[in-house]
Amino acid sequence: MTPSYVAPELADQVEASLPVEEFNRRVQAFTDEEAEEALELIRWFMRRYPTPKERLDFARRTFDQWTRPTRIVRRP
C-alpha cells in the first residue's frame, strides 16, 4: 500500500530500493570535495545522535515534520 503522503506519479520511485551497485556508483562519482563534505556531515550526525535509538527518533520527528499538512493562510 502506498503511503498517502506520496504523489501517485512518484509512488513507484519512492518505494523502490536503491541497489548496492547503484549506491556505490553514485558515491564513487563524488568529487574529493563532495566526499569530504559528506564525511563531515556523517561524523556530525553520529556525534549528535550516537545511538541507533536517537537516530531513529530524529528520523521519525523529521519525517513527521516534513509530511505534516501545511496550512495556507490567505492575505487580507
C-alpha atoms as a PDB file:
ATOM      1  CA  MET A   1       0.000   0.000   0.000  1.00  0.00           C
ATOM      2  CA  THR A   2       1.380   3.390  -0.995  1.00  0.00           C
ATOM      3  CA  PRO A   3       1.532   5.939   1.823  1.00  0.00           C
ATOM      4  CA  SER A   4      -0.909   8.832   1.375  1.00  0.00           C
ATOM      5  CA  TYR A   5       1.839  11.467   1.595  1.00  0.00           C
ATOM      6  CA  VAL A   6       3.328  10.332  -1.737  1.00  0.00           C
ATOM      7  CA  ALA A   7       2.025  11.690  -5.037  1.00  0.00           C
ATOM      8  CA  PRO A   8       0.734   8.757  -7.130  1.00  0.00           C
ATOM      9  CA  GLU A   9       3.117   9.552 -10.004  1.00  0.00           C
ATOM     10  CA  LEU A  10       6.094   9.212  -7.618  1.00  0.00           C
ATOM     11  CA  ALA A  11       4.960   6.213  -5.594  1.00  0.00           C
ATOM     12  CA  ASP A  12       6.945   3.585  -7.521  1.00  0.00           C
ATOM     13  CA  GLN A  13      10.161   5.590  -7.236  1.00  0.00           C
ATOM     14  CA  VAL A  14       9.656   6.260  -3.536  1.00  0.00           C
ATOM     15  CA  GLU A  15       9.002   2.595  -2.783  1.00  0.00           C
ATOM     16  CA  ALA A  16      11.901   1.285  -4.908  1.00  0.00           C
ATOM     17  CA  SER A  17      15.120   0.212  -3.214  1.00  0.00           C
ATOM     18  CA  LEU A  18      18.401   1.585  -4.487  1.00  0.00           C
ATOM     19  CA  PRO A  19      20.611  -1.358  -5.485  1.00  0.00           C
ATOM     20  CA  VAL A  20      24.004  -1.509  -3.749  1.00  0.00           C
ATOM     21  CA  GLU A  21      25.775  -1.246  -7.106  1.00  0.00           C
ATOM     22  CA  GLU A  22      23.940   1.988  -7.938  1.00  0.00           C
ATOM     23  CA  PHE A  23      24.702   3.432  -4.498  1.00  0.00           C
ATOM     24  CA  ASN A  24      28.382   2.604  -4.920  1.00  0.00           C
ATOM     25  CA  ARG A  25      28.424   4.095  -8.420  1.00  0.00           C
ATOM     26  CA  ARG A  26      26.968   7.352  -7.126  1.00  0.00           C
ATOM     27  CA  VAL A  27      29.395   7.552  -4.202  1.00  0.00           C
ATOM     28  CA  GLN A  28      32.368   6.868  -6.466  1.00  0.00           C
ATOM     29  CA  ALA A  29      31.244   9.745  -8.696  1.00  0.00           C
ATOM     30  CA  PHE A  30      31.709  12.232  -5.810  1.00  0.00           C
ATOM     31  CA  THR A  31      34.452  14.790  -6.196  1.00  0.00           C
ATOM     32  CA  ASP A  32      37.021  14.909  -3.391  1.00  0.00           C
ATOM     33  CA  GLU A  33      35.264  17.997  -2.026  1.00  0.00           C
ATOM     34  CA  GLU A  34      31.842  16.298  -2.079  1.00  0.00           C
ATOM     35  CA  ALA A  35      33.234  13.185  -0.385  1.00  0.00           C
ATOM     36  CA  GLU A  36      34.837  15.236   2.392  1.00  0.00           C
ATOM     37  CA  GLU A  37      31.632  17.225   2.912  1.00  0.00           C
ATOM     38  CA  ALA A  38      29.586  14.014   3.101  1.00  0.00           C
ATOM     39  CA  LEU A  39      32.012  12.526   5.646  1.00  0.00           C
ATOM     40  CA  GLU A  40      31.848  15.694   7.756  1.00  0.00           C
ATOM     41  CA  LEU A  41      28.043  15.532   7.766  1.00  0.00           C
ATOM     42  CA  ILE A  42      28.081  11.834   8.693  1.00  0.00           C
ATOM     43  CA  ARG A  43      30.566  12.463  11.511  1.00  0.00           C
ATOM     44  CA  TRP A  44      28.448  15.337  12.859  1.00  0.00           C
ATOM     45  CA  PHE A  45      25.287  13.225  12.715  1.00  0.00           C
ATOM     46  CA  MET A  46      26.966  10.320  14.507  1.00  0.00           C
ATOM     47  CA  ARG A  47      28.183  12.664  17.263  1.00  0.00           C
ATOM     48  CA  ARG A  48      24.806  14.410  17.591  1.00  0.00           C
ATOM     49  CA  TYR A  49      22.822  11.138  17.550  1.00  0.00           C
ATOM     50  CA  PRO A  50      25.244   8.495  18.870  1.00  0.00           C
ATOM     51  CA  THR A  51      22.790   5.612  19.338  1.00  0.00           C
ATOM     52  CA  PRO A  52      20.502   3.886  16.846  1.00  0.00           C
ATOM     53  CA  LYS A  53      17.512   4.848  19.015  1.00  0.00           C
ATOM     54  CA  GLU A  54      18.448   8.547  18.861  1.00  0.00           C
ATOM     55  CA  ARG A  55      18.909   8.343  15.088  1.00  0.00           C
ATOM     56  CA  LEU A  56      15.541   6.667  14.615  1.00  0.00           C
ATOM     57  CA  ASP A  57      13.838   9.192  16.906  1.00  0.00           C
ATOM     58  CA  PHE A  58      15.367  12.010  14.838  1.00  0.00           C
ATOM     59  CA  ALA A  59      14.230  10.384  11.583  1.00  0.00           C
ATOM     60  CA  ARG A  60      10.688   9.953  12.898  1.00  0.00           C
ATOM     61  CA  ARG A  61      10.473  13.567  14.125  1.00  0.00           C
ATOM     62  CA  THR A  62      11.818  14.892  10.850  1.00  0.00           C
ATOM     63  CA  PHE A  63       9.513  12.701   8.773  1.00  0.00           C
ATOM     64  CA  ASP A  64       6.506  13.852  10.798  1.00  0.00           C
ATOM     65  CA  GLN A  65       7.555  17.462  10.346  1.00  0.00           C
ATOM     66  CA  TRP A  66       8.058  17.173   6.573  1.00  0.00           C
ATOM     67  CA  THR A  67       4.816  15.286   5.937  1.00  0.00           C
ATOM     68  CA  ARG A  68       2.603  17.432   8.170  1.00  0.00           C
ATOM     69  CA  PRO A  69      -0.109  19.207   6.161  1.00  0.00           C
ATOM     70  CA  THR A  70       0.663  22.850   5.522  1.00  0.00           C
ATOM     71  CA  ARG A  71      -1.932  25.390   6.471  1.00  0.00           C
ATOM     72  CA  ILE A  72      -2.262  28.052   3.806  1.00  0.00           C
ATOM     73  CA  VAL A  73      -3.495  31.416   5.028  1.00  0.00           C
ATOM     74  CA  ARG A  74      -4.825  33.996   2.591  1.00  0.00           C
ATOM     75  CA  ARG A  75      -3.533  37.517   2.826  1.00  0.00           C
ATOM     76  CA  PRO A  76      -6.150  40.042   3.963  1.00  0.00           C
END
